[in-house]
């Protein structure tokens, strides 16, 4: 996980309002692209250009210029769905699904994106990065998160109608919402209305 990167994705509410969501880890950013079962209606990874666009929005810096095949897009969707089930099981204190762990571990075992330094001292990615390198990088981030010091802080947004997952890396560890400007604000508005109703 690269906390030095500019972090956060721009998402849109059901009413079309844009807000920032920082899930705290690269692997959790991938979960915003769709998922298994009921989350499949949010699917955005249909073709190589979609995966490249996600990489550009992600916390990977600089954005890798990727050579991505259709098969690699399908593999990334499979990794994402497996990771989704593993993380959901973790947040519910349930056993991690073994087949899904295998999927994550197999992806993590492949070569990841390799950083390099340009002659002018800039960061870049070595070689010809592919969709497989990207998947390995995401999978390794997932392994780091799920075995690291913040594993107990992986949470689902406290709003009943929000299913976004994040890791709370704040010092107090008291984060409850996917985004204060979205679900946090909605909660404040509802609480204020309820108070006015009680007072009325």
N, C-alpha and C. Protein backbone atom coordinates (compact mmCIF):
# COMPACT_ATOMS: atom_id res chain seq x y z
N UNK A 1 0.84 -1.19 0.00
CA UNK A 1 0.00 0.00 0.00
C UNK A 1 0.88 1.24 0.00
N UNK A 2 0.61 2.14 -0.93
CA UNK A 2 1.43 3.33 -1.07
C UNK A 2 0.68 4.54 -0.53
N UNK A 3 0.89 4.85 0.74
CA UNK A 3 0.17 5.94 1.36
C UNK A 3 0.71 7.30 0.94
N UNK A 4 1.87 7.31 0.27
CA UNK A 4 2.43 8.58 -0.17
C UNK A 4 1.75 9.10 -1.44
N UNK A 5 0.99 8.23 -2.09
CA UNK A 5 0.33 8.62 -3.33
C UNK A 5 -0.87 9.52 -3.04
N UNK A 6 -1.26 10.27 -4.07
CA UNK A 6 -2.51 11.01 -3.96
C UNK A 6 -3.63 9.98 -3.95
N UNK A 7 -4.47 10.04 -2.93
CA UNK A 7 -5.41 8.95 -2.76
C UNK A 7 -6.85 9.41 -2.89
N UNK A 8 -7.70 8.47 -3.20
CA UNK A 8 -9.12 8.72 -3.28
C UNK A 8 -9.66 8.65 -4.70
N UNK A 9 -10.85 8.12 -4.81
CA UNK A 9 -11.55 8.01 -6.09
C UNK A 9 -12.72 8.96 -6.08
N UNK A 10 -13.11 9.44 -7.25
CA UNK A 10 -14.33 10.22 -7.37
C UNK A 10 -15.46 9.27 -7.75
N UNK A 11 -16.44 9.14 -6.87
CA UNK A 11 -17.61 8.31 -7.13
C UNK A 11 -18.83 9.21 -7.28
N UNK A 12 -19.94 8.61 -7.71
CA UNK A 12 -21.18 9.38 -7.87
C UNK A 12 -22.31 8.69 -7.12
N UNK A 13 -23.09 9.48 -6.40
CA UNK A 13 -24.24 8.96 -5.67
C UNK A 13 -25.35 8.59 -6.65
N UNK A 14 -26.42 7.98 -6.13
CA UNK A 14 -27.54 7.61 -6.99
C UNK A 14 -28.15 8.83 -7.67
N UNK A 15 -28.03 9.99 -7.03
CA UNK A 15 -28.60 11.22 -7.60
C UNK A 15 -27.59 11.95 -8.50
N UNK A 16 -26.40 11.35 -8.68
CA UNK A 16 -25.42 11.93 -9.59
C UNK A 16 -24.44 12.90 -8.96
N UNK A 17 -24.50 13.05 -7.64
CA UNK A 17 -23.59 13.97 -6.96
C UNK A 17 -22.22 13.31 -6.80
N UNK A 18 -21.16 14.02 -7.19
CA UNK A 18 -19.80 13.49 -7.08
C UNK A 18 -19.27 13.66 -5.66
N UNK A 19 -18.54 12.66 -5.18
CA UNK A 19 -17.89 12.75 -3.87
C UNK A 19 -16.62 11.92 -3.88
N UNK A 20 -15.72 12.23 -2.94
CA UNK A 20 -14.44 11.52 -2.85
C UNK A 20 -14.56 10.35 -1.88
N UNK A 21 -14.02 9.22 -2.30
CA UNK A 21 -13.99 8.03 -1.45
C UNK A 21 -12.58 7.49 -1.46
N UNK A 22 -11.95 7.44 -0.29
CA UNK A 22 -10.61 6.85 -0.16
C UNK A 22 -10.73 5.58 0.66
N UNK A 23 -10.67 4.40 0.01
CA UNK A 23 -10.78 3.16 0.75
C UNK A 23 -9.52 2.79 1.52
N UNK A 24 -8.42 3.52 1.30
CA UNK A 24 -7.21 3.30 2.08
C UNK A 24 -6.25 2.26 1.54
N UNK A 25 -6.61 1.55 0.47
CA UNK A 25 -5.73 0.52 -0.10
C UNK A 25 -6.08 0.32 -1.57
N UNK A 26 -5.07 0.01 -2.37
CA UNK A 26 -5.27 -0.22 -3.80
C UNK A 26 -6.27 -1.35 -4.04
N UNK A 27 -6.12 -2.44 -3.29
CA UNK A 27 -6.99 -3.60 -3.52
C UNK A 27 -8.46 -3.27 -3.24
N UNK A 28 -8.72 -2.38 -2.29
CA UNK A 28 -10.10 -2.00 -1.99
C UNK A 28 -10.64 -1.02 -3.02
N UNK A 29 -9.76 -0.28 -3.69
CA UNK A 29 -10.20 0.57 -4.80
C UNK A 29 -10.79 -0.29 -5.92
N UNK A 30 -10.23 -1.48 -6.12
CA UNK A 30 -10.72 -2.37 -7.18
C UNK A 30 -12.16 -2.79 -6.91
N UNK A 31 -12.56 -2.87 -5.63
CA UNK A 31 -13.90 -3.34 -5.29
C UNK A 31 -15.00 -2.35 -5.70
N UNK A 32 -14.61 -1.13 -6.11
CA UNK A 32 -15.61 -0.16 -6.57
C UNK A 32 -16.00 -0.38 -8.03
N UNK A 33 -15.39 -1.38 -8.70
CA UNK A 33 -15.63 -1.58 -10.13
C UNK A 33 -16.72 -2.61 -10.42
N UNK A 34 -17.35 -3.15 -9.40
CA UNK A 34 -18.36 -4.20 -9.58
C UNK A 34 -18.15 -5.27 -8.53
N UNK A 35 -18.58 -6.48 -8.83
CA UNK A 35 -18.39 -7.55 -7.86
C UNK A 35 -19.30 -8.72 -8.12
N UNK A 36 -19.26 -9.72 -7.23
CA UNK A 36 -20.09 -10.91 -7.42
C UNK A 36 -21.54 -10.67 -7.03
N UNK A 37 -22.43 -11.52 -7.53
CA UNK A 37 -23.83 -11.49 -7.11
C UNK A 37 -24.50 -10.15 -7.34
N UNK A 38 -25.09 -9.58 -6.28
CA UNK A 38 -25.83 -8.31 -6.45
C UNK A 38 -24.97 -7.14 -6.88
N UNK A 39 -23.65 -7.24 -6.71
CA UNK A 39 -22.75 -6.14 -7.08
C UNK A 39 -22.43 -6.14 -8.57
N UNK A 40 -22.85 -7.20 -9.28
CA UNK A 40 -22.53 -7.29 -10.71
C UNK A 40 -23.22 -6.18 -11.51
N UNK A 41 -24.30 -5.59 -10.96
CA UNK A 41 -24.96 -4.51 -11.70
C UNK A 41 -24.11 -3.24 -11.75
N UNK A 42 -23.06 -3.18 -10.94
CA UNK A 42 -22.16 -2.02 -10.96
C UNK A 42 -20.94 -2.26 -11.84
N UNK A 43 -20.92 -3.38 -12.56
CA UNK A 43 -19.74 -3.77 -13.35
C UNK A 43 -19.31 -2.67 -14.32
N UNK A 44 -18.02 -2.32 -14.28
CA UNK A 44 -17.47 -1.35 -15.24
C UNK A 44 -16.28 -1.90 -16.02
N UNK A 45 -15.79 -3.09 -15.64
CA UNK A 45 -14.62 -3.66 -16.33
C UNK A 45 -15.08 -4.59 -17.44
N UNK A 46 -15.35 -4.01 -18.61
CA UNK A 46 -15.85 -4.80 -19.74
C UNK A 46 -14.77 -5.07 -20.78
N UNK A 47 -13.82 -4.15 -20.92
CA UNK A 47 -12.81 -4.28 -21.97
C UNK A 47 -11.49 -3.67 -21.48
N UNK A 48 -10.39 -3.91 -22.21
CA UNK A 48 -9.09 -3.41 -21.76
C UNK A 48 -9.07 -1.92 -21.43
N UNK A 49 -9.77 -1.10 -22.21
CA UNK A 49 -9.78 0.35 -21.94
C UNK A 49 -10.38 0.66 -20.58
N UNK A 50 -11.35 -0.15 -20.14
CA UNK A 50 -11.98 0.07 -18.83
C UNK A 50 -10.99 -0.19 -17.70
N UNK A 51 -10.19 -1.24 -17.84
CA UNK A 51 -9.21 -1.57 -16.81
C UNK A 51 -8.10 -0.51 -16.80
N UNK A 52 -7.69 -0.05 -17.97
CA UNK A 52 -6.68 1.02 -18.04
C UNK A 52 -7.20 2.29 -17.39
N UNK A 53 -8.49 2.59 -17.59
CA UNK A 53 -9.09 3.79 -16.99
C UNK A 53 -9.13 3.67 -15.47
N UNK A 54 -9.42 2.46 -14.97
CA UNK A 54 -9.41 2.27 -13.51
C UNK A 54 -8.00 2.48 -12.96
N UNK A 55 -7.01 1.94 -13.66
CA UNK A 55 -5.61 2.09 -13.21
C UNK A 55 -5.24 3.57 -13.13
N UNK A 56 -5.75 4.35 -14.07
CA UNK A 56 -5.45 5.78 -14.09
C UNK A 56 -6.09 6.50 -12.90
N UNK A 57 -7.27 6.05 -12.48
CA UNK A 57 -7.96 6.66 -11.33
C UNK A 57 -7.42 6.17 -10.00
N UNK A 58 -6.74 5.03 -10.02
CA UNK A 58 -6.29 4.39 -8.77
C UNK A 58 -5.13 5.15 -8.14
N UNK A 59 -4.69 4.64 -6.98
CA UNK A 59 -3.60 5.29 -6.26
C UNK A 59 -2.22 4.90 -6.80
N UNK A 60 -2.17 4.14 -7.89
CA UNK A 60 -0.88 3.80 -8.51
C UNK A 60 -0.30 5.04 -9.17
N UNK A 61 0.88 5.44 -8.76
CA UNK A 61 1.54 6.59 -9.39
C UNK A 61 2.99 6.23 -9.72
N UNK A 62 3.45 6.63 -10.91
CA UNK A 62 2.67 7.22 -11.98
C UNK A 62 1.71 6.19 -12.58
N UNK A 63 0.71 6.64 -13.34
CA UNK A 63 -0.21 5.69 -13.98
C UNK A 63 0.57 4.82 -14.94
N UNK A 64 0.48 3.49 -14.79
CA UNK A 64 1.20 2.62 -15.72
C UNK A 64 0.54 2.63 -17.10
N UNK A 65 1.36 2.63 -18.16
CA UNK A 65 0.85 2.49 -19.52
C UNK A 65 0.82 1.00 -19.80
N UNK A 66 -0.36 0.43 -19.79
CA UNK A 66 -0.51 -1.02 -19.77
C UNK A 66 -0.88 -1.60 -21.13
N UNK A 67 -0.35 -2.78 -21.41
CA UNK A 67 -0.80 -3.59 -22.54
C UNK A 67 -1.73 -4.63 -21.95
N UNK A 68 -3.03 -4.52 -22.20
CA UNK A 68 -4.02 -5.38 -21.54
C UNK A 68 -4.79 -6.18 -22.58
N UNK A 69 -4.93 -7.48 -22.33
CA UNK A 69 -5.71 -8.34 -23.22
C UNK A 69 -7.11 -8.55 -22.64
N UNK A 70 -8.02 -9.03 -23.48
CA UNK A 70 -9.39 -9.33 -23.02
C UNK A 70 -9.35 -10.37 -21.90
N UNK A 71 -8.46 -11.37 -22.05
CA UNK A 71 -8.34 -12.42 -21.03
C UNK A 71 -7.89 -11.85 -19.69
N UNK A 72 -7.01 -10.84 -19.74
CA UNK A 72 -6.53 -10.22 -18.49
C UNK A 72 -7.64 -9.42 -17.80
N UNK A 73 -8.54 -8.85 -18.58
CA UNK A 73 -9.69 -8.15 -17.99
C UNK A 73 -10.57 -9.16 -17.26
N UNK A 74 -10.81 -10.31 -17.90
CA UNK A 74 -11.60 -11.38 -17.26
C UNK A 74 -10.91 -11.87 -16.00
N UNK A 75 -9.58 -12.02 -16.05
CA UNK A 75 -8.82 -12.46 -14.87
C UNK A 75 -8.94 -11.44 -13.74
N UNK A 76 -8.90 -10.15 -14.08
CA UNK A 76 -9.01 -9.11 -13.06
C UNK A 76 -10.40 -9.14 -12.42
N UNK A 77 -11.42 -9.35 -13.22
CA UNK A 77 -12.77 -9.47 -12.66
C UNK A 77 -12.84 -10.67 -11.71
N UNK A 78 -12.21 -11.78 -12.08
CA UNK A 78 -12.20 -12.95 -11.22
C UNK A 78 -11.47 -12.70 -9.91
N UNK A 79 -10.33 -11.98 -10.01
CA UNK A 79 -9.57 -11.62 -8.81
C UNK A 79 -10.41 -10.71 -7.92
N UNK A 80 -11.04 -9.70 -8.54
CA UNK A 80 -11.86 -8.76 -7.77
C UNK A 80 -12.99 -9.48 -7.03
N UNK A 81 -13.69 -10.37 -7.73
CA UNK A 81 -14.81 -11.06 -7.10
C UNK A 81 -14.33 -11.95 -5.95
N UNK A 82 -13.19 -12.63 -6.15
CA UNK A 82 -12.62 -13.46 -5.09
C UNK A 82 -12.23 -12.59 -3.89
N UNK A 83 -11.58 -11.47 -4.17
CA UNK A 83 -11.16 -10.56 -3.11
C UNK A 83 -12.38 -10.00 -2.37
N UNK A 84 -13.43 -9.70 -3.11
CA UNK A 84 -14.66 -9.19 -2.51
C UNK A 84 -15.20 -10.18 -1.48
N UNK A 85 -15.28 -11.46 -1.88
CA UNK A 85 -15.81 -12.48 -0.96
C UNK A 85 -14.91 -12.68 0.25
N UNK A 86 -13.60 -12.61 0.04
CA UNK A 86 -12.65 -12.75 1.16
C UNK A 86 -12.82 -11.59 2.15
N UNK A 87 -12.89 -10.37 1.63
CA UNK A 87 -12.99 -9.20 2.49
C UNK A 87 -14.33 -9.17 3.23
N UNK A 88 -15.42 -9.49 2.52
CA UNK A 88 -16.74 -9.54 3.18
C UNK A 88 -16.73 -10.57 4.30
N UNK A 89 -16.16 -11.74 4.03
CA UNK A 89 -16.07 -12.78 5.07
C UNK A 89 -15.27 -12.25 6.26
N UNK A 90 -14.19 -11.53 5.97
CA UNK A 90 -13.36 -10.99 7.04
C UNK A 90 -14.14 -9.99 7.90
N UNK A 91 -14.90 -9.09 7.26
CA UNK A 91 -15.65 -8.08 8.02
C UNK A 91 -16.74 -8.73 8.87
N UNK A 92 -17.17 -9.93 8.49
CA UNK A 92 -18.21 -10.64 9.25
C UNK A 92 -17.62 -11.66 10.22
N UNK A 93 -16.28 -11.67 10.33
CA UNK A 93 -15.57 -12.63 11.18
C UNK A 93 -15.88 -14.07 10.80
N UNK A 94 -16.03 -14.30 9.50
CA UNK A 94 -16.28 -15.64 8.98
C UNK A 94 -14.99 -16.17 8.36
N UNK A 95 -14.87 -17.49 8.19
CA UNK A 95 -13.66 -18.04 7.57
C UNK A 95 -13.51 -17.53 6.13
N UNK A 96 -12.27 -17.28 5.74
CA UNK A 96 -12.02 -16.84 4.36
C UNK A 96 -12.30 -18.01 3.42
N UNK A 97 -13.06 -17.79 2.34
CA UNK A 97 -13.33 -18.87 1.38
C UNK A 97 -12.03 -19.37 0.77
N UNK A 98 -11.76 -20.65 0.89
CA UNK A 98 -10.46 -21.20 0.49
C UNK A 98 -10.19 -21.05 -1.01
N UNK A 99 -11.21 -21.27 -1.84
CA UNK A 99 -11.00 -21.15 -3.28
C UNK A 99 -10.67 -19.72 -3.66
N UNK A 100 -11.31 -18.77 -3.01
CA UNK A 100 -11.04 -17.36 -3.28
C UNK A 100 -9.65 -16.96 -2.80
N UNK A 101 -9.22 -17.51 -1.67
CA UNK A 101 -7.85 -17.25 -1.21
C UNK A 101 -6.84 -17.77 -2.22
N UNK A 102 -7.12 -18.93 -2.80
CA UNK A 102 -6.23 -19.49 -3.82
C UNK A 102 -6.12 -18.54 -5.01
N UNK A 103 -7.26 -17.97 -5.42
CA UNK A 103 -7.26 -17.02 -6.54
C UNK A 103 -6.38 -15.82 -6.24
N UNK A 104 -6.52 -15.26 -5.04
CA UNK A 104 -5.71 -14.11 -4.63
C UNK A 104 -4.24 -14.50 -4.57
N UNK A 105 -3.94 -15.63 -3.95
CA UNK A 105 -2.54 -16.06 -3.80
C UNK A 105 -1.88 -16.38 -5.14
N UNK A 106 -2.64 -16.98 -6.05
CA UNK A 106 -2.09 -17.29 -7.38
C UNK A 106 -1.74 -16.01 -8.12
N UNK A 107 -2.62 -15.00 -8.02
CA UNK A 107 -2.35 -13.72 -8.69
C UNK A 107 -1.14 -13.04 -8.05
N UNK A 108 -1.04 -13.10 -6.72
CA UNK A 108 0.06 -12.45 -6.00
C UNK A 108 1.41 -13.10 -6.31
N UNK A 109 1.39 -14.37 -6.72
CA UNK A 109 2.63 -15.10 -7.00
C UNK A 109 3.25 -14.72 -8.35
N UNK A 110 2.48 -14.06 -9.20
CA UNK A 110 2.99 -13.65 -10.51
C UNK A 110 3.81 -12.36 -10.39
N UNK A 111 4.61 -12.02 -11.39
CA UNK A 111 5.41 -10.78 -11.32
C UNK A 111 4.51 -9.55 -11.26
N UNK A 112 4.81 -8.67 -10.31
CA UNK A 112 4.04 -7.44 -10.14
C UNK A 112 4.69 -6.30 -10.92
N UNK A 113 4.05 -5.14 -10.93
CA UNK A 113 4.65 -3.96 -11.53
C UNK A 113 5.96 -3.64 -10.82
N UNK A 114 7.01 -3.42 -11.59
CA UNK A 114 8.33 -3.15 -11.01
C UNK A 114 8.67 -1.68 -11.14
N UNK A 115 8.91 -0.98 -10.03
CA UNK A 115 9.27 0.44 -10.12
C UNK A 115 10.71 0.61 -10.60
N UNK A 116 10.94 1.73 -11.25
CA UNK A 116 12.28 2.05 -11.74
C UNK A 116 12.47 3.57 -11.66
N UNK A 117 13.73 4.00 -11.77
CA UNK A 117 14.06 5.43 -11.72
C UNK A 117 14.56 5.87 -13.09
N UNK A 118 14.01 6.97 -13.58
CA UNK A 118 14.46 7.51 -14.86
C UNK A 118 15.77 8.28 -14.65
N UNK A 119 16.49 8.59 -15.75
CA UNK A 119 17.73 9.37 -15.61
C UNK A 119 17.52 10.73 -14.94
N UNK A 120 16.29 11.28 -15.02
CA UNK A 120 16.01 12.57 -14.38
C UNK A 120 15.50 12.42 -12.95
N UNK A 121 15.53 11.18 -12.44
CA UNK A 121 15.14 10.96 -11.05
C UNK A 121 13.65 10.77 -10.83
N UNK A 122 12.89 10.56 -11.92
CA UNK A 122 11.45 10.33 -11.79
C UNK A 122 11.16 8.84 -11.62
N UNK A 123 10.01 8.56 -11.03
CA UNK A 123 9.57 7.17 -10.88
C UNK A 123 8.84 6.74 -12.15
N UNK A 124 9.08 5.50 -12.56
CA UNK A 124 8.35 4.93 -13.69
C UNK A 124 8.20 3.43 -13.45
N UNK A 125 7.55 2.75 -14.37
CA UNK A 125 7.40 1.29 -14.27
C UNK A 125 8.32 0.65 -15.30
N UNK A 126 9.03 -0.36 -14.89
CA UNK A 126 10.00 -1.02 -15.77
C UNK A 126 9.31 -1.96 -16.76
N UNK A 127 10.00 -2.20 -17.86
CA UNK A 127 9.52 -3.19 -18.82
C UNK A 127 8.26 -2.75 -19.54
N UNK A 128 7.45 -3.74 -19.93
CA UNK A 128 6.17 -3.50 -20.60
C UNK A 128 5.05 -4.00 -19.71
N UNK A 129 4.54 -3.14 -18.84
CA UNK A 129 3.52 -3.58 -17.88
C UNK A 129 2.27 -4.12 -18.57
N UNK A 130 1.74 -5.19 -18.02
CA UNK A 130 0.55 -5.84 -18.58
C UNK A 130 -0.56 -5.88 -17.54
N UNK A 131 -1.72 -6.34 -17.97
CA UNK A 131 -2.83 -6.54 -17.04
C UNK A 131 -2.50 -7.55 -15.97
N UNK A 132 -1.67 -8.53 -16.31
CA UNK A 132 -1.25 -9.55 -15.34
C UNK A 132 -0.37 -8.92 -14.27
N UNK A 133 0.53 -8.03 -14.67
CA UNK A 133 1.37 -7.32 -13.69
C UNK A 133 0.49 -6.48 -12.75
N UNK A 134 -0.52 -5.84 -13.31
CA UNK A 134 -1.43 -5.02 -12.51
C UNK A 134 -2.20 -5.89 -11.51
N UNK A 135 -2.70 -7.03 -11.97
CA UNK A 135 -3.44 -7.94 -11.08
C UNK A 135 -2.55 -8.43 -9.95
N UNK A 136 -1.29 -8.75 -10.27
CA UNK A 136 -0.35 -9.22 -9.24
C UNK A 136 -0.10 -8.13 -8.21
N UNK A 137 -0.01 -6.88 -8.68
CA UNK A 137 0.21 -5.75 -7.77
C UNK A 137 -0.98 -5.58 -6.83
N UNK A 138 -2.18 -5.69 -7.36
CA UNK A 138 -3.40 -5.58 -6.55
C UNK A 138 -3.47 -6.74 -5.55
N UNK A 139 -3.17 -7.94 -6.02
CA UNK A 139 -3.23 -9.12 -5.14
C UNK A 139 -2.21 -9.03 -4.02
N UNK A 140 -1.01 -8.56 -4.32
CA UNK A 140 0.01 -8.41 -3.27
C UNK A 140 -0.41 -7.35 -2.26
N UNK A 141 -1.08 -6.30 -2.73
CA UNK A 141 -1.59 -5.28 -1.82
C UNK A 141 -2.64 -5.90 -0.89
N UNK A 142 -3.46 -6.80 -1.45
CA UNK A 142 -4.48 -7.47 -0.65
C UNK A 142 -3.85 -8.36 0.42
N UNK A 143 -2.80 -9.08 0.04
CA UNK A 143 -2.09 -9.93 1.01
C UNK A 143 -1.50 -9.07 2.13
N UNK A 144 -0.90 -7.93 1.73
CA UNK A 144 -0.31 -7.02 2.72
C UNK A 144 -1.38 -6.49 3.67
N UNK A 145 -2.53 -6.10 3.11
CA UNK A 145 -3.61 -5.56 3.94
C UNK A 145 -4.17 -6.61 4.89
N UNK A 146 -4.45 -7.80 4.36
CA UNK A 146 -5.11 -8.84 5.14
C UNK A 146 -4.19 -9.54 6.14
N UNK A 147 -2.90 -9.26 6.06
CA UNK A 147 -1.96 -9.84 7.03
C UNK A 147 -1.22 -8.76 7.81
N UNK A 148 -1.63 -7.50 7.60
CA UNK A 148 -0.90 -6.38 8.18
C UNK A 148 -1.53 -5.78 9.42
N UNK A 149 -0.99 -4.67 9.89
CA UNK A 149 -1.41 -4.07 11.16
C UNK A 149 -2.80 -3.46 11.14
N UNK A 150 -3.36 -3.20 9.95
CA UNK A 150 -4.69 -2.58 9.89
C UNK A 150 -5.79 -3.57 9.53
N UNK A 151 -5.48 -4.86 9.59
CA UNK A 151 -6.47 -5.87 9.18
C UNK A 151 -7.75 -5.78 10.01
N UNK A 152 -7.61 -5.41 11.30
CA UNK A 152 -8.80 -5.31 12.17
C UNK A 152 -9.59 -4.03 11.92
N UNK A 153 -9.08 -3.18 11.01
CA UNK A 153 -9.78 -1.93 10.72
C UNK A 153 -10.43 -1.93 9.34
N UNK A 154 -10.57 -3.08 8.72
CA UNK A 154 -11.28 -3.18 7.45
C UNK A 154 -12.77 -3.19 7.78
N UNK A 155 -13.50 -2.23 7.23
CA UNK A 155 -14.91 -2.06 7.61
C UNK A 155 -15.78 -1.77 6.39
N UNK A 156 -17.08 -1.97 6.60
CA UNK A 156 -18.09 -1.55 5.63
C UNK A 156 -18.70 -0.25 6.15
N UNK A 157 -19.01 0.66 5.25
CA UNK A 157 -19.63 1.93 5.64
C UNK A 157 -20.82 1.68 6.55
N UNK A 158 -20.97 2.53 7.57
CA UNK A 158 -22.03 2.35 8.58
C UNK A 158 -23.42 2.67 8.05
N UNK A 159 -23.52 3.32 6.90
CA UNK A 159 -24.84 3.61 6.33
C UNK A 159 -25.50 2.31 5.88
N UNK A 160 -26.77 2.13 6.21
CA UNK A 160 -27.47 0.89 5.90
C UNK A 160 -27.56 0.61 4.41
N UNK A 161 -27.61 1.67 3.60
CA UNK A 161 -27.78 1.49 2.16
C UNK A 161 -26.47 1.66 1.38
N UNK A 162 -25.35 1.61 2.08
CA UNK A 162 -24.04 1.74 1.42
C UNK A 162 -23.21 0.49 1.73
N UNK A 163 -22.55 -0.04 0.71
CA UNK A 163 -21.78 -1.27 0.89
C UNK A 163 -20.30 -1.07 0.58
N UNK A 164 -19.85 0.19 0.55
CA UNK A 164 -18.45 0.46 0.26
C UNK A 164 -17.57 -0.01 1.42
N UNK A 165 -16.43 -0.60 1.07
CA UNK A 165 -15.51 -1.16 2.06
C UNK A 165 -14.24 -0.32 2.08
N UNK A 166 -13.74 -0.05 3.27
CA UNK A 166 -12.53 0.75 3.42
C UNK A 166 -11.72 0.20 4.59
N UNK A 167 -10.45 0.63 4.66
CA UNK A 167 -9.63 0.35 5.83
C UNK A 167 -9.38 1.68 6.52
N UNK A 168 -9.67 1.72 7.80
CA UNK A 168 -9.52 2.95 8.57
C UNK A 168 -8.06 3.09 9.00
N UNK A 169 -7.33 3.96 8.32
CA UNK A 169 -5.92 4.18 8.65
C UNK A 169 -5.73 5.44 9.50
N UNK A 170 -6.83 6.03 9.95
CA UNK A 170 -6.72 7.23 10.78
C UNK A 170 -6.13 6.87 12.14
N UNK A 171 -5.51 7.83 12.78
CA UNK A 171 -4.86 7.59 14.07
C UNK A 171 -5.87 7.11 15.14
N UNK A 172 -7.03 7.79 15.29
CA UNK A 172 -7.96 7.33 16.33
C UNK A 172 -8.69 6.04 15.97
N UNK A 173 -8.76 5.71 14.67
CA UNK A 173 -9.45 4.49 14.28
C UNK A 173 -10.95 4.55 14.47
N UNK A 174 -11.52 5.75 14.30
CA UNK A 174 -12.95 5.94 14.58
C UNK A 174 -13.77 6.24 13.33
N UNK A 175 -13.21 5.99 12.16
CA UNK A 175 -13.94 6.26 10.92
C UNK A 175 -15.15 5.34 10.80
N UNK A 176 -16.31 5.91 10.44
CA UNK A 176 -17.54 5.12 10.30
C UNK A 176 -18.11 5.14 8.89
N UNK A 177 -17.71 6.15 8.11
CA UNK A 177 -18.37 6.36 6.83
C UNK A 177 -17.40 6.18 5.66
N UNK A 178 -17.97 5.80 4.51
CA UNK A 178 -17.16 5.73 3.30
C UNK A 178 -16.58 7.11 3.01
N UNK A 179 -17.42 8.13 3.20
CA UNK A 179 -17.02 9.51 2.93
C UNK A 179 -17.85 10.43 3.81
N UNK A 180 -17.20 11.36 4.49
CA UNK A 180 -17.94 12.31 5.32
C UNK A 180 -18.83 13.20 4.46
N UNK A 181 -18.39 13.51 3.23
CA UNK A 181 -19.19 14.40 2.38
C UNK A 181 -20.37 13.67 1.75
N UNK A 182 -20.43 12.34 1.86
CA UNK A 182 -21.56 11.60 1.29
C UNK A 182 -22.38 10.96 2.42
N UNK A 183 -22.02 9.77 2.83
CA UNK A 183 -22.82 9.07 3.86
C UNK A 183 -22.74 9.77 5.22
N UNK A 184 -21.59 10.33 5.55
CA UNK A 184 -21.47 11.05 6.82
C UNK A 184 -22.40 12.25 6.85
N UNK A 185 -22.47 12.96 5.73
CA UNK A 185 -23.34 14.12 5.64
C UNK A 185 -24.81 13.72 5.66
N UNK A 186 -25.14 12.63 4.95
CA UNK A 186 -26.53 12.15 4.96
C UNK A 186 -26.96 11.79 6.38
N UNK A 187 -26.06 11.17 7.14
CA UNK A 187 -26.37 10.81 8.53
C UNK A 187 -26.63 12.06 9.37
N UNK A 188 -25.80 13.09 9.18
CA UNK A 188 -25.98 14.34 9.93
C UNK A 188 -27.34 14.97 9.62
N UNK A 189 -27.70 14.98 8.33
CA UNK A 189 -28.98 15.57 7.92
C UNK A 189 -30.14 14.80 8.54
N UNK A 190 -30.06 13.45 8.50
CA UNK A 190 -31.14 12.64 9.09
C UNK A 190 -31.24 12.87 10.59
N UNK A 191 -30.10 12.94 11.26
CA UNK A 191 -30.09 13.15 12.71
C UNK A 191 -30.69 14.51 13.06
N UNK A 192 -30.38 15.52 12.24
CA UNK A 192 -30.91 16.86 12.47
C UNK A 192 -32.43 16.89 12.28
N UNK A 193 -32.90 16.22 11.22
CA UNK A 193 -34.34 16.15 10.97
C UNK A 193 -35.06 15.43 12.12
N UNK A 194 -34.46 14.34 12.58
CA UNK A 194 -35.08 13.57 13.67
C UNK A 194 -35.16 14.43 14.94
N UNK A 195 -34.12 15.22 15.19
CA UNK A 195 -34.11 16.07 16.38
C UNK A 195 -35.20 17.13 16.27
N UNK A 196 -35.36 17.72 15.07
CA UNK A 196 -36.39 18.75 14.88
C UNK A 196 -37.79 18.16 15.03
N UNK A 197 -37.96 16.91 14.57
CA UNK A 197 -39.25 16.23 14.70
C UNK A 197 -39.59 15.99 16.17
N UNK A 198 -38.56 15.55 16.93
CA UNK A 198 -38.76 15.31 18.36
C UNK A 198 -39.11 16.62 19.10
N UNK A 199 -38.41 17.68 18.70
CA UNK A 199 -38.62 18.96 19.36
C UNK A 199 -39.99 19.56 18.99
N UNK A 200 -40.45 19.23 17.74
CA UNK A 200 -41.72 19.76 17.28
C UNK A 200 -42.86 19.04 17.94
